[in-house]
């Protein structure tokens, strides 16, 4: 009796186990089919389906600072705007050719455009932005624009008043005479010097030399062979002088930027030679001039070696690119400004 009951329980347990296994398998198959259907909808196969791709990149300054609020177009009727990190992206693109162009008021960009081909999504389609007051959004040419000379406003010539005839009186008085006021000679106006625009040049792995476009004094950069592995684009940009207390400066501030495969690079395989010509001035003590680079908010000579120095020329070796300036010790005294 007891044996028959045990056998009956085993049979029931066996049937329940088979039912549960069958039910789980059915649910698994349905889930797998549903996921496969979703994937087939998102990434359709070649039989009538459309593949979608993305193009993305960053817009930064030559010092690596993100440029936000840049309008980026893809040449196919779509635009997007860079984020606070300078990032932009175009999604849901079909296969084809796209011309990527950034624009922002008072900024110029290098390169001006990028032609991107898909299929396969593309990343690191990057641009370098330069802030210039009155910029048009396109990379300017190296020829400075001429500045019109202001025409002096002519000074009105005082008209001589008529001679007064006195009324006849018993006592004759001499007729007074009037001397006209001399006409002022207009002060000649000076024509401001145009600010040199950024210029660029392609340097290969074989090396080469690059010279700036300013007329007052020039900066030459020499790349030895194998300093870079592939072709690069070197961009020189003039920078306005600034006070660097307690150092003096030689009015030579400039930035050097290198693009390799549309990416900004700052390090090289071999040291680069930078020669700067400048006018002799009393702001720098003789034999103290050095090439400095801006490290955050402080000027430093770390990583820069002085090779040769004269009163008007400085040659140095550096292993990286950034914002540079010719600075030195000075005898000038900076007096504090006292507010009234």
C-alpha atoms as a PDB file:
ATOM      1  CA  UNK A   1       0.000   0.000   0.000  1.00  0.00           C
ATOM      2  CA  UNK A   2       2.710   2.408   1.024  1.00  0.00           C
ATOM      3  CA  UNK A   3       4.858   1.385  -2.003  1.00  0.00           C
ATOM      4  CA  UNK A   4       1.995   2.088  -4.433  1.00  0.00           C
ATOM      5  CA  UNK A   5       1.489   5.569  -2.942  1.00  0.00           C
ATOM      6  CA  UNK A   6       5.196   6.409  -3.391  1.00  0.00           C
ATOM      7  CA  UNK A   7       5.077   5.233  -6.989  1.00  0.00           C
ATOM      8  CA  UNK A   8       2.017   7.412  -7.662  1.00  0.00           C
ATOM      9  CA  UNK A   9       3.748  10.497  -6.204  1.00  0.00           C
ATOM     10  CA  UNK A  10       6.814   9.896  -8.375  1.00  0.00           C
ATOM     11  CA  UNK A  11       4.686   9.705 -11.496  1.00  0.00           C
ATOM     12  CA  UNK A  12       2.938  12.978 -10.624  1.00  0.00           C
ATOM     13  CA  UNK A  13       6.297  14.681  -9.928  1.00  0.00           C
ATOM     14  CA  UNK A  14       7.667  13.456 -13.278  1.00  0.00           C
ATOM     15  CA  UNK A  15       4.681  14.836 -15.195  1.00  0.00           C
ATOM     16  CA  UNK A  16       4.945  18.244 -13.463  1.00  0.00           C
ATOM     17  CA  UNK A  17       8.682  18.437 -14.302  1.00  0.00           C
ATOM     18  CA  UNK A  18       8.032  17.751 -17.989  1.00  0.00           C
ATOM     19  CA  UNK A  19       5.331  20.458 -18.069  1.00  0.00           C
ATOM     20  CA  UNK A  20       7.604  23.098 -16.488  1.00  0.00           C
ATOM     21  CA  UNK A  21      10.504  22.368 -18.851  1.00  0.00           C
ATOM     22  CA  UNK A  22       8.210  22.585 -21.872  1.00  0.00           C
ATOM     23  CA  UNK A  23       6.744  25.895 -20.693  1.00  0.00           C
ATOM     24  CA  UNK A  24      10.170  27.476 -20.029  1.00  0.00           C
ATOM     25  CA  UNK A  25      11.445  26.456 -23.459  1.00  0.00           C
ATOM     26  CA  UNK A  26       8.434  27.971 -25.147  1.00  0.00           C
ATOM     27  CA  UNK A  27       8.906  31.287 -23.274  1.00  0.00           C
ATOM     28  CA  UNK A  28      12.633  31.365 -24.148  1.00  0.00           C
ATOM     29  CA  UNK A  29      11.896  30.795 -27.838  1.00  0.00           C
ATOM     30  CA  UNK A  30       9.309  33.596 -27.855  1.00  0.00           C
ATOM     31  CA  UNK A  31      11.753  36.046 -26.172  1.00  0.00           C
ATOM     32  CA  UNK A  32      14.527  35.155 -28.627  1.00  0.00           C
ATOM     33  CA  UNK A  33      12.205  35.662 -31.577  1.00  0.00           C
ATOM     34  CA  UNK A  34      11.081  39.082 -30.243  1.00  0.00           C
ATOM     35  CA  UNK A  35      14.687  40.324 -29.771  1.00  0.00           C
ATOM     36  CA  UNK A  36      15.613  39.084 -33.215  1.00  0.00           C
ATOM     37  CA  UNK A  37      12.650  40.960 -34.665  1.00  0.00           C
ATOM     38  CA  UNK A  38      13.738  44.200 -32.943  1.00  0.00           C
ATOM     39  CA  UNK A  39      17.310  43.858 -34.169  1.00  0.00           C
ATOM     40  CA  UNK A  40      16.067  43.162 -37.682  1.00  0.00           C
ATOM     41  CA  UNK A  41      14.049  46.372 -37.526  1.00  0.00           C
ATOM     42  CA  UNK A  42      16.979  48.500 -36.209  1.00  0.00           C
ATOM     43  CA  UNK A  43      19.671  47.016 -38.384  1.00  0.00           C
ATOM     44  CA  UNK A  44      17.869  45.605 -41.425  1.00  0.00           C
ATOM     45  CA  UNK A  45      19.670  43.177 -43.651  1.00  0.00           C
ATOM     46  CA  UNK A  46      20.710  43.966 -47.191  1.00  0.00           C
ATOM     47  CA  UNK A  47      17.376  42.802 -48.626  1.00  0.00           C
ATOM     48  CA  UNK A  48      15.616  46.176 -48.918  1.00  0.00           C
ATOM     49  CA  UNK A  49      16.779  47.507 -45.480  1.00  0.00           C
ATOM     50  CA  UNK A  50      18.460  50.925 -44.894  1.00  0.00           C
ATOM     51  CA  UNK A  51      21.619  51.223 -42.793  1.00  0.00           C
ATOM     52  CA  UNK A  52      22.067  54.385 -40.694  1.00  0.00           C
ATOM     53  CA  UNK A  53      25.360  55.957 -39.583  1.00  0.00           C
ATOM     54  CA  UNK A  54      26.762  58.830 -37.489  1.00  0.00           C
ATOM     55  CA  UNK A  55      29.367  61.580 -37.962  1.00  0.00           C
ATOM     56  CA  UNK A  56      30.787  63.242 -34.841  1.00  0.00           C
ATOM     57  CA  UNK A  57      33.730  65.301 -33.607  1.00  0.00           C
ATOM     58  CA  UNK A  58      34.915  68.236 -31.477  1.00  0.00           C
ATOM     59  CA  UNK A  59      35.498  71.953 -32.010  1.00  0.00           C
ATOM     60  CA  UNK A  60      38.313  73.337 -29.838  1.00  0.00           C
ATOM     61  CA  UNK A  61      40.699  76.305 -29.821  1.00  0.00           C
ATOM     62  CA  UNK A  62      44.376  75.913 -30.610  1.00  0.00           C
ATOM     63  CA  UNK A  63      45.015  75.587 -26.842  1.00  0.00           C
ATOM     64  CA  UNK A  64      42.448  72.790 -26.473  1.00  0.00           C
ATOM     65  CA  UNK A  65      39.587  74.821 -24.979  1.00  0.00           C
ATOM     66  CA  UNK A  66      36.126  73.671 -26.056  1.00  0.00           C
ATOM     67  CA  UNK A  67      34.133  76.050 -28.278  1.00  0.00           C
ATOM     68  CA  UNK A  68      30.421  75.724 -27.515  1.00  0.00           C
ATOM     69  CA  UNK A  69      27.494  77.145 -29.484  1.00  0.00           C
ATOM     70  CA  UNK A  70      29.077  76.472 -32.879  1.00  0.00           C
ATOM     71  CA  UNK A  71      26.536  75.788 -35.638  1.00  0.00           C
ATOM     72  CA  UNK A  72      27.670  72.748 -37.642  1.00  0.00           C
ATOM     73  CA  UNK A  73      26.009  71.856 -40.972  1.00  0.00           C
ATOM     74  CA  UNK A  74      26.388  68.611 -42.930  1.00  0.00           C
ATOM     75  CA  UNK A  75      25.730  69.936 -46.445  1.00  0.00           C
ATOM     76  CA  UNK A  76      22.527  67.906 -46.706  1.00  0.00           C
ATOM     77  CA  UNK A  77      20.106  70.333 -45.057  1.00  0.00           C
ATOM     78  CA  UNK A  78      20.784  69.386 -41.428  1.00  0.00           C
ATOM     79  CA  UNK A  79      22.497  71.417 -38.678  1.00  0.00           C
ATOM     80  CA  UNK A  80      23.468  70.829 -35.069  1.00  0.00           C
ATOM     81  CA  UNK A  81      25.172  72.837 -32.297  1.00  0.00           C
ATOM     82  CA  UNK A  82      28.277  71.993 -30.257  1.00  0.00           C
ATOM     83  CA  UNK A  83      27.832  71.271 -26.557  1.00  0.00           C
ATOM     84  CA  UNK A  84      29.736  72.773 -23.614  1.00  0.00           C
ATOM     85  CA  UNK A  85      32.551  70.301 -24.377  1.00  0.00           C
ATOM     86  CA  UNK A  86      32.676  71.334 -28.042  1.00  0.00           C
ATOM     87  CA  UNK A  87      31.110  68.020 -29.149  1.00  0.00           C
ATOM     88  CA  UNK A  88      28.742  67.646 -32.107  1.00  0.00           C
ATOM     89  CA  UNK A  89      27.081  64.623 -33.745  1.00  0.00           C
ATOM     90  CA  UNK A  90      24.894  63.853 -36.753  1.00  0.00           C
ATOM     91  CA  UNK A  91      22.919  60.616 -36.381  1.00  0.00           C
ATOM     92  CA  UNK A  92      20.585  58.585 -38.629  1.00  0.00           C
ATOM     93  CA  UNK A  93      22.612  59.350 -41.762  1.00  0.00           C
ATOM     94  CA  UNK A  94      22.289  57.219 -44.873  1.00  0.00           C
ATOM     95  CA  UNK A  95      25.278  56.252 -47.014  1.00  0.00           C
ATOM     96  CA  UNK A  96      26.725  59.131 -49.024  1.00  0.00           C
ATOM     97  CA  UNK A  97      29.083  62.125 -49.000  1.00  0.00           C
ATOM     98  CA  UNK A  98      28.684  64.940 -46.432  1.00  0.00           C
ATOM     99  CA  UNK A  99      30.405  68.332 -46.207  1.00  0.00           C
ATOM    100  CA  UNK A 100      30.810  69.322 -42.551  1.00  0.00           C
ATOM    101  CA  UNK A 101      31.118  73.096 -41.964  1.00  0.00           C
ATOM    102  CA  UNK A 102      31.289  74.941 -38.576  1.00  0.00           C
ATOM    103  CA  UNK A 103      30.245  78.605 -38.216  1.00  0.00           C
ATOM    104  CA  UNK A 104      30.104  81.035 -35.277  1.00  0.00           C
ATOM    105  CA  UNK A 105      30.175  84.831 -35.059  1.00  0.00           C
ATOM    106  CA  UNK A 106      33.702  86.259 -34.550  1.00  0.00           C
ATOM    107  CA  UNK A 107      35.310  82.817 -35.104  1.00  0.00           C
ATOM    108  CA  UNK A 108      37.304  81.359 -37.974  1.00  0.00           C
ATOM    109  CA  UNK A 109      37.850  77.610 -38.277  1.00  0.00           C
ATOM    110  CA  UNK A 110      40.529  75.321 -39.633  1.00  0.00           C
ATOM    111  CA  UNK A 111      39.917  73.396 -41.734  1.00  0.00           C
ATOM    112  CA  UNK A 112      37.040  75.378 -43.215  1.00  0.00           C
ATOM    113  CA  UNK A 113      35.161  72.194 -44.180  1.00  0.00           C
ATOM    114  CA  UNK A 114      35.601  68.426 -43.982  1.00  0.00           C
ATOM    115  CA  UNK A 115      34.265  66.046 -46.637  1.00  0.00           C
ATOM    116  CA  UNK A 116      33.179  62.807 -44.942  1.00  0.00           C
ATOM    117  CA  UNK A 117      32.120  59.632 -46.747  1.00  0.00           C
ATOM    118  CA  UNK A 118      29.896  56.946 -45.235  1.00  0.00           C
ATOM    119  CA  UNK A 119      29.093  53.961 -44.898  1.00  0.00           C
ATOM    120  CA  UNK A 120      30.771  53.240 -41.570  1.00  0.00           C
ATOM    121  CA  UNK A 121      30.237  55.838 -38.863  1.00  0.00           C
ATOM    122  CA  UNK A 122      32.970  58.486 -38.553  1.00  0.00           C
ATOM    123  CA  UNK A 123      34.334  59.986 -35.320  1.00  0.00           C
ATOM    124  CA  UNK A 124      36.997  62.618 -34.521  1.00  0.00           C
ATOM    125  CA  UNK A 125      35.992  64.890 -37.401  1.00  0.00           C
ATOM    126  CA  UNK A 126      37.509  67.800 -35.501  1.00  0.00           C
ATOM    127  CA  UNK A 127      38.000  71.550 -36.115  1.00  0.00           C
ATOM    128  CA  UNK A 128      40.224  74.248 -34.562  1.00  0.00           C
ATOM    129  CA  UNK A 129      38.504  77.575 -33.839  1.00  0.00           C
ATOM    130  CA  UNK A 130      40.216  80.983 -33.656  1.00  0.00           C
ATOM    131  CA  UNK A 131      38.484  83.935 -32.003  1.00  0.00           C
ATOM    132  CA  UNK A 132      38.784  87.127 -34.035  1.00  0.00           C
ATOM    133  CA  UNK A 133      36.679  90.244 -33.542  1.00  0.00           C
ATOM    134  CA  UNK A 134      34.655  90.657 -36.718  1.00  0.00           C
ATOM    135  CA  UNK A 135      35.455  87.136 -37.972  1.00  0.00           C
ATOM    136  CA  UNK A 136      33.245  85.687 -40.737  1.00  0.00           C
ATOM    137  CA  UNK A 137      33.356  81.992 -39.859  1.00  0.00           C
ATOM    138  CA  UNK A 138      35.809  81.022 -42.627  1.00  0.00           C
ATOM    139  CA  UNK A 139      39.557  80.472 -42.443  1.00  0.00           C
ATOM    140  CA  UNK A 140      41.135  83.810 -43.445  1.00  0.00           C
ATOM    141  CA  UNK A 141      43.882  84.089 -46.035  1.00  0.00           C
ATOM    142  CA  UNK A 142      47.419  85.034 -45.113  1.00  0.00           C
ATOM    143  CA  UNK A 143      47.205  88.446 -46.871  1.00  0.00           C
ATOM    144  CA  UNK A 144      46.317  91.168 -44.332  1.00  0.00           C
ATOM    145  CA  UNK A 145      43.527  93.478 -45.395  1.00  0.00           C
ATOM    146  CA  UNK A 146      44.503  97.082 -46.065  1.00  0.00           C
ATOM    147  CA  UNK A 147      43.224  99.749 -43.700  1.00  0.00           C
ATOM    148  CA  UNK A 148      41.877 102.929 -45.209  1.00  0.00           C
ATOM    149  CA  UNK A 149      43.489 106.172 -44.036  1.00  0.00           C
ATOM    150  CA  UNK A 150      41.045 108.538 -42.443  1.00  0.00           C
ATOM    151  CA  UNK A 151      40.602 111.830 -44.372  1.00  0.00           C
ATOM    152  CA  UNK A 152      41.175 114.751 -42.007  1.00  0.00           C
ATOM    153  CA  UNK A 153      38.167 116.971 -41.460  1.00  0.00           C
ATOM    154  CA  UNK A 154      38.944 120.366 -42.999  1.00  0.00           C
ATOM    155  CA  UNK A 155      39.082 123.273 -40.584  1.00  0.00           C
ATOM    156  CA  UNK A 156      36.826 126.154 -41.471  1.00  0.00           C
ATOM    157  CA  UNK A 157      38.699 129.356 -42.383  1.00  0.00           C
ATOM    158  CA  UNK A 158      37.437 132.386 -40.511  1.00  0.00           C
ATOM    159  CA  UNK A 159      36.067 135.049 -42.884  1.00  0.00           C
ATOM    160  CA  UNK A 160      37.482 138.501 -42.350  1.00  0.00           C
ATOM    161  CA  UNK A 161      34.782 140.819 -41.048  1.00  0.00           C
ATOM    162  CA  UNK A 162      34.136 144.026 -42.959  1.00  0.00           C
ATOM    163  CA  UNK A 163      36.013 147.167 -42.000  1.00  0.00           C
ATOM    164  CA  UNK A 164      33.865 149.401 -39.809  1.00  0.00           C
ATOM    165  CA  UNK A 165      33.572 153.028 -40.759  1.00  0.00           C
ATOM    166  CA  UNK A 166      33.176 155.140 -37.621  1.00  0.00           C
ATOM    167  CA  UNK A 167      30.557 157.872 -37.443  1.00  0.00           C
ATOM    168  CA  UNK A 168      31.940 161.368 -37.992  1.00  0.00           C
ATOM    169  CA  UNK A 169      32.514 163.098 -34.685  1.00  0.00           C
ATOM    170  CA  UNK A 170      34.285 166.240 -33.629  1.00  0.00           C
ATOM    171  CA  UNK A 171      37.320 164.130 -32.668  1.00  0.00           C
ATOM    172  CA  UNK A 172      38.662 161.878 -35.365  1.00  0.00           C
ATOM    173  CA  UNK A 173      39.540 158.390 -34.203  1.00  0.00           C
ATOM    174  CA  UNK A 174      41.579 155.943 -36.292  1.00  0.00           C
ATOM    175  CA  UNK A 175      39.632 153.197 -37.971  1.00  0.00           C
ATOM    176  CA  UNK A 176      40.263 149.890 -36.122  1.00  0.00           C
ATOM    177  CA  UNK A 177      41.616 146.990 -38.121  1.00  0.00           C
ATOM    178  CA  UNK A 178      40.915 143.295 -37.512  1.00  0.00           C
ATOM    179  CA  UNK A 179      43.447 140.491 -37.893  1.00  0.00           C
ATOM    180  CA  UNK A 180      41.889 137.144 -38.969  1.00  0.00           C
ATOM    181  CA  UNK A 181      42.525 134.088 -36.804  1.00  0.00           C
ATOM    182  CA  UNK A 182      45.116 131.749 -38.394  1.00  0.00           C
ATOM    183  CA  UNK A 183      43.747 128.494 -39.835  1.00  0.00           C
ATOM    184  CA  UNK A 184      44.808 125.424 -37.858  1.00  0.00           C
ATOM    185  CA  UNK A 185      46.784 122.796 -39.752  1.00  0.00           C
ATOM    186  CA  UNK A 186      45.107 119.363 -39.397  1.00  0.00           C
ATOM    187  CA  UNK A 187      47.118 116.748 -37.497  1.00  0.00           C
ATOM    188  CA  UNK A 188      48.044 113.839 -39.805  1.00  0.00           C
ATOM    189  CA  UNK A 189      46.452 110.535 -38.824  1.00  0.00           C
ATOM    190  CA  UNK A 190      48.448 107.323 -38.592  1.00  0.00           C
ATOM    191  CA  UNK A 191      47.335 104.136 -40.327  1.00  0.00           C
ATOM    192  CA  UNK A 192      47.115 101.205 -37.851  1.00  0.00           C
ATOM    193  CA  UNK A 193      49.093  98.086 -38.667  1.00  0.00           C
ATOM    194  CA  UNK A 194      46.880  95.166 -39.699  1.00  0.00           C
ATOM    195  CA  UNK A 195      47.015  92.098 -37.453  1.00  0.00           C
ATOM    196  CA  UNK A 196      48.542  89.122 -39.302  1.00  0.00           C
ATOM    197  CA  UNK A 197      46.049  86.347 -39.959  1.00  0.00           C
ATOM    198  CA  UNK A 198      46.739  82.668 -39.096  1.00  0.00           C
ATOM    199  CA  UNK A 199      48.680  80.786 -41.752  1.00  0.00           C
ATOM    200  CA  UNK A 200      49.309  77.058 -42.196  1.00  0.00           C
ATOM    201  CA  UNK A 201      51.609  74.625 -43.992  1.00  0.00           C
ATOM    202  CA  UNK A 202      51.758  70.847 -44.438  1.00  0.00           C
ATOM    203  CA  UNK A 203      54.904  69.127 -43.075  1.00  0.00           C
ATOM    204  CA  UNK A 204      55.696  65.479 -43.935  1.00  0.00           C
ATOM    205  CA  UNK A 205      57.656  62.849 -41.998  1.00  0.00           C
ATOM    206  CA  UNK A 206      60.710  63.904 -44.032  1.00  0.00           C
ATOM    207  CA  UNK A 207      60.757  67.204 -42.141  1.00  0.00           C
ATOM    208  CA  UNK A 208      60.582  70.785 -43.359  1.00  0.00           C
ATOM    209  CA  UNK A 209      60.543  74.472 -42.413  1.00  0.00           C
ATOM    210  CA  UNK A 210      57.663  76.837 -41.778  1.00  0.00           C
ATOM    211  CA  UNK A 211      57.852  80.650 -41.546  1.00  0.00           C
ATOM    212  CA  UNK A 212      55.276  83.062 -40.111  1.00  0.00           C
ATOM    213  CA  UNK A 213      53.666  85.793 -42.213  1.00  0.00           C
ATOM    214  CA  UNK A 214      54.187  88.881 -40.046  1.00  0.00           C
ATOM    215  CA  UNK A 215      56.153  91.753 -41.605  1.00  0.00           C
ATOM    216  CA  UNK A 216      57.789  93.327 -38.542  1.00  0.00           C
ATOM    217  CA  UNK A 217      59.602  90.169 -37.458  1.00  0.00           C
ATOM    218  CA  UNK A 218      59.314  86.538 -38.358  1.00  0.00           C
ATOM    219  CA  UNK A 219      59.197  83.190 -36.591  1.00  0.00           C
ATOM    220  CA  UNK A 220      60.585  80.106 -38.309  1.00  0.00           C
ATOM    221  CA  UNK A 221      59.886  76.527 -37.205  1.00  0.00           C
ATOM    222  CA  UNK A 222      62.074  73.654 -38.400  1.00  0.00           C
ATOM    223  CA  UNK A 223      60.996  70.002 -38.193  1.00  0.00           C
ATOM    224  CA  UNK A 224      63.795  67.410 -38.412  1.00  0.00           C
ATOM    225  CA  UNK A 225      63.185  64.111 -40.267  1.00  0.00           C
ATOM    226  CA  UNK A 226      60.980  61.611 -38.364  1.00  0.00           C
ATOM    227  CA  UNK A 227      59.750  64.251 -35.922  1.00  0.00           C
ATOM    228  CA  UNK A 228      56.251  63.111 -36.917  1.00  0.00           C
ATOM    229  CA  UNK A 229      55.045  59.759 -38.273  1.00  0.00           C
ATOM    230  CA  UNK A 230      52.555  61.071 -40.858  1.00  0.00           C
ATOM    231  CA  UNK A 231      51.739  64.356 -42.600  1.00  0.00           C
ATOM    232  CA  UNK A 232      50.755  67.226 -40.296  1.00  0.00           C
ATOM    233  CA  UNK A 233      49.363  70.737 -40.744  1.00  0.00           C
ATOM    234  CA  UNK A 234      51.170  73.474 -38.785  1.00  0.00           C
ATOM    235  CA  UNK A 235      49.149  76.611 -37.948  1.00  0.00           C
ATOM    236  CA  UNK A 236      50.851  79.844 -36.807  1.00  0.00           C
ATOM    237  CA  UNK A 237      48.694  82.527 -35.140  1.00  0.00           C
ATOM    238  CA  UNK A 238      49.851  85.966 -33.952  1.00  0.00           C
ATOM    239  CA  UNK A 239      48.854  86.838 -30.368  1.00  0.00           C
ATOM    240  CA  UNK A 240      48.523  90.328 -28.873  1.00  0.00           C
ATOM    241  CA  UNK A 241      51.241  91.312 -26.343  1.00  0.00           C
ATOM    242  CA  UNK A 242      50.387  91.313 -22.664  1.00  0.00           C
ATOM    243  CA  UNK A 243      51.999  92.323 -19.376  1.00  0.00           C
ATOM    244  CA  UNK A 244      53.837  89.384 -17.763  1.00  0.00           C
ATOM    245  CA  UNK A 245      54.901  90.743 -14.383  1.00  0.00           C
ATOM    246  CA  UNK A 246      57.679  90.636 -13.198  1.00  0.00           C
ATOM    247  CA  UNK A 247      59.169  89.792 -16.624  1.00  0.00           C
ATOM    248  CA  UNK A 248      59.584  92.053 -19.631  1.00  0.00           C
ATOM    249  CA  UNK A 249      58.595  91.066 -23.167  1.00  0.00           C
ATOM    250  CA  UNK A 250      59.866  91.658 -26.711  1.00  0.00           C
ATOM    251  CA  UNK A 251      56.399  92.036 -28.322  1.00  0.00           C
ATOM    252  CA  UNK A 252      56.589  88.462 -29.612  1.00  0.00           C
ATOM    253  CA  UNK A 253      53.551  86.393 -28.583  1.00  0.00           C
ATOM    254  CA  UNK A 254      52.338  83.580 -30.876  1.00  0.00           C
ATOM    255  CA  UNK A 255      50.726  80.143 -30.852  1.00  0.00           C
ATOM    256  CA  UNK A 256      51.657  77.036 -32.833  1.00  0.00           C
ATOM    257  CA  UNK A 257      49.049  74.331 -33.447  1.00  0.00           C
ATOM    258  CA  UNK A 258      49.529  70.981 -35.205  1.00  0.00           C
ATOM    259  CA  UNK A 259      46.739  68.880 -36.741  1.00  0.00           C
ATOM    260  CA  UNK A 260      47.351  65.217 -37.538  1.00  0.00           C
ATOM    261  CA  UNK A 261      44.451  63.276 -39.050  1.00  0.00           C
ATOM    262  CA  UNK A 262      42.136  66.120 -37.924  1.00  0.00           C
ATOM    263  CA  UNK A 263      43.369  65.804 -34.317  1.00  0.00           C
ATOM    264  CA  UNK A 264      45.324  68.402 -32.351  1.00  0.00           C
ATOM    265  CA  UNK A 265      48.697  66.989 -31.221  1.00  0.00           C
ATOM    266  CA  UNK A 266      51.269  68.703 -28.987  1.00  0.00           C
ATOM    267  CA  UNK A 267      54.075  66.135 -28.619  1.00  0.00           C
ATOM    268  CA  UNK A 268      56.696  65.074 -31.185  1.00  0.00           C
ATOM    269  CA  UNK A 269      59.223  62.284 -31.696  1.00  0.00           C
ATOM    270  CA  UNK A 270      62.162  64.707 -31.897  1.00  0.00           C
ATOM    271  CA  UNK A 271      62.756  68.288 -30.661  1.00  0.00           C
ATOM    272  CA  UNK A 272      61.579  71.128 -32.913  1.00  0.00           C
ATOM    273  CA  UNK A 273      63.716  74.232 -33.593  1.00  0.00           C
ATOM    274  CA  UNK A 274      62.002  77.627 -33.199  1.00  0.00           C
ATOM    275  CA  UNK A 275      63.838  80.807 -34.256  1.00  0.00           C
ATOM    276  CA  UNK A 276      62.274  84.152 -33.303  1.00  0.00           C
ATOM    277  CA  UNK A 277      63.422  87.534 -34.676  1.00  0.00           C
ATOM    278  CA  UNK A 278      62.529  90.600 -32.624  1.00  0.00           C
ATOM    279  CA  UNK A 279      63.515  94.240 -32.263  1.00  0.00           C
ATOM    280  CA  UNK A 280      66.036  95.133 -29.593  1.00  0.00           C
ATOM    281  CA  UNK A 281      64.403  96.989 -26.727  1.00  0.00           C
ATOM    282  CA  UNK A 282      65.218  98.145 -23.222  1.00  0.00           C
ATOM    283  CA  UNK A 283      62.382  96.159 -21.650  1.00  0.00           C
ATOM    284  CA  UNK A 284      64.580  93.035 -21.462  1.00  0.00           C
ATOM    285  CA  UNK A 285      68.007  92.827 -19.851  1.00  0.00           C
ATOM    286  CA  UNK A 286      70.676  91.727 -22.320  1.00  0.00           C
ATOM    287  CA  UNK A 287      71.325  87.954 -22.400  1.00  0.00           C
ATOM    288  CA  UNK A 288      68.194  87.194 -20.335  1.00  0.00           C
ATOM    289  CA  UNK A 289      65.748  86.668 -23.208  1.00  0.00           C
ATOM    290  CA  UNK A 290      64.255  83.158 -23.367  1.00  0.00           C
ATOM    291  CA  UNK A 291      61.389  81.407 -25.098  1.00  0.00           C
ATOM    292  CA  UNK A 292      58.572  80.769 -22.606  1.00  0.00           C
ATOM    293  CA  UNK A 293      55.353  78.755 -22.941  1.00  0.00           C
ATOM    294  CA  UNK A 294      52.064  79.257 -21.113  1.00  0.00           C
ATOM    295  CA  UNK A 295      51.490  76.438 -18.610  1.00  0.00           C
ATOM    296  CA  UNK A 296      47.907  77.061 -17.507  1.00  0.00           C
ATOM    297  CA  UNK A 297      48.191  80.561 -16.018  1.00  0.00           C
ATOM    298  CA  UNK A 298      51.975  80.680 -15.468  1.00  0.00           C
ATOM    299  CA  UNK A 299      54.803  81.169 -17.982  1.00  0.00           C
ATOM    300  CA  UNK A 300      57.471  78.450 -17.932  1.00  0.00           C
ATOM    301  CA  UNK A 301      60.695  77.403 -19.699  1.00  0.00           C
ATOM    302  CA  UNK A 302      60.418  73.707 -18.766  1.00  0.00           C
ATOM    303  CA  UNK A 303      61.031  71.569 -21.862  1.00  0.00           C
ATOM    304  CA  UNK A 304      62.622  74.468 -23.812  1.00  0.00           C
ATOM    305  CA  UNK A 305      66.395  74.703 -24.431  1.00  0.00           C
ATOM    306  CA  UNK A 306      68.082  77.919 -25.618  1.00  0.00           C
ATOM    307  CA  UNK A 307      70.474  77.134 -28.504  1.00  0.00           C
ATOM    308  CA  UNK A 308      71.566  80.608 -29.601  1.00  0.00           C
ATOM    309  CA  UNK A 309      70.778  84.167 -28.522  1.00  0.00           C
ATOM    310  CA  UNK A 310      71.686  87.569 -29.939  1.00  0.00           C
ATOM    311  CA  UNK A 311      70.302  91.042 -29.315  1.00  0.00           C
ATOM    312  CA  UNK A 312      67.609  90.536 -31.991  1.00  0.00           C
ATOM    313  CA  UNK A 313      67.268  86.758 -32.450  1.00  0.00           C
ATOM    314  CA  UNK A 314      66.539  83.752 -30.253  1.00  0.00           C
ATOM    315  CA  UNK A 315      66.836  80.080 -31.286  1.00  0.00           C
ATOM    316  CA  UNK A 316      65.392  77.355 -29.037  1.00  0.00           C
ATOM    317  CA  UNK A 317      64.498  73.649 -29.006  1.00  0.00           C
ATOM    318  CA  UNK A 318      61.111  72.444 -27.745  1.00  0.00           C
ATOM    319  CA  UNK A 319      59.328  69.092 -27.558  1.00  0.00           C
ATOM    320  CA  UNK A 320      55.768  70.430 -27.616  1.00  0.00           C
ATOM    321  CA  UNK A 321      53.576  73.204 -29.101  1.00  0.00           C
ATOM    322  CA  UNK A 322      51.391  75.698 -27.281  1.00  0.00           C
ATOM    323  CA  UNK A 323      51.275  79.506 -26.691  1.00  0.00           C
ATOM    324  CA  UNK A 324      54.799  81.008 -26.775  1.00  0.00           C
ATOM    325  CA  UNK A 325      56.401  84.376 -25.923  1.00  0.00           C
ATOM    326  CA  UNK A 326      59.909  85.899 -25.814  1.00  0.00           C
ATOM    327  CA  UNK A 327      60.360  87.108 -22.245  1.00  0.00           C
ATOM    328  CA  UNK A 328      63.266  88.153 -20.026  1.00  0.00           C
ATOM    329  CA  UNK A 329      64.347  89.928 -16.881  1.00  0.00           C
ATOM    330  CA  UNK A 330      63.669  93.655 -16.826  1.00  0.00           C
ATOM    331  CA  UNK A 331      64.809  96.826 -15.056  1.00  0.00           C
ATOM    332  CA  UNK A 332      61.416  98.431 -15.535  1.00  0.00           C
ATOM    333  CA  UNK A 333      59.471  99.226 -12.374  1.00  0.00           C
ATOM    334  CA  UNK A 334      55.728  98.573 -12.319  1.00  0.00           C
ATOM    335  CA  UNK A 335      54.016 101.168 -10.118  1.00  0.00           C
ATOM    336  CA  UNK A 336      50.735 100.294  -8.437  1.00  0.00           C
ATOM    337  CA  UNK A 337      47.604 101.974  -9.745  1.00  0.00           C
ATOM    338  CA  UNK A 338      45.968 104.117  -7.036  1.00  0.00           C
ATOM    339  CA  UNK A 339      42.267 104.787  -7.495  1.00  0.00           C
ATOM    340  CA  UNK A 340      41.118 108.308  -6.730  1.00  0.00           C
END
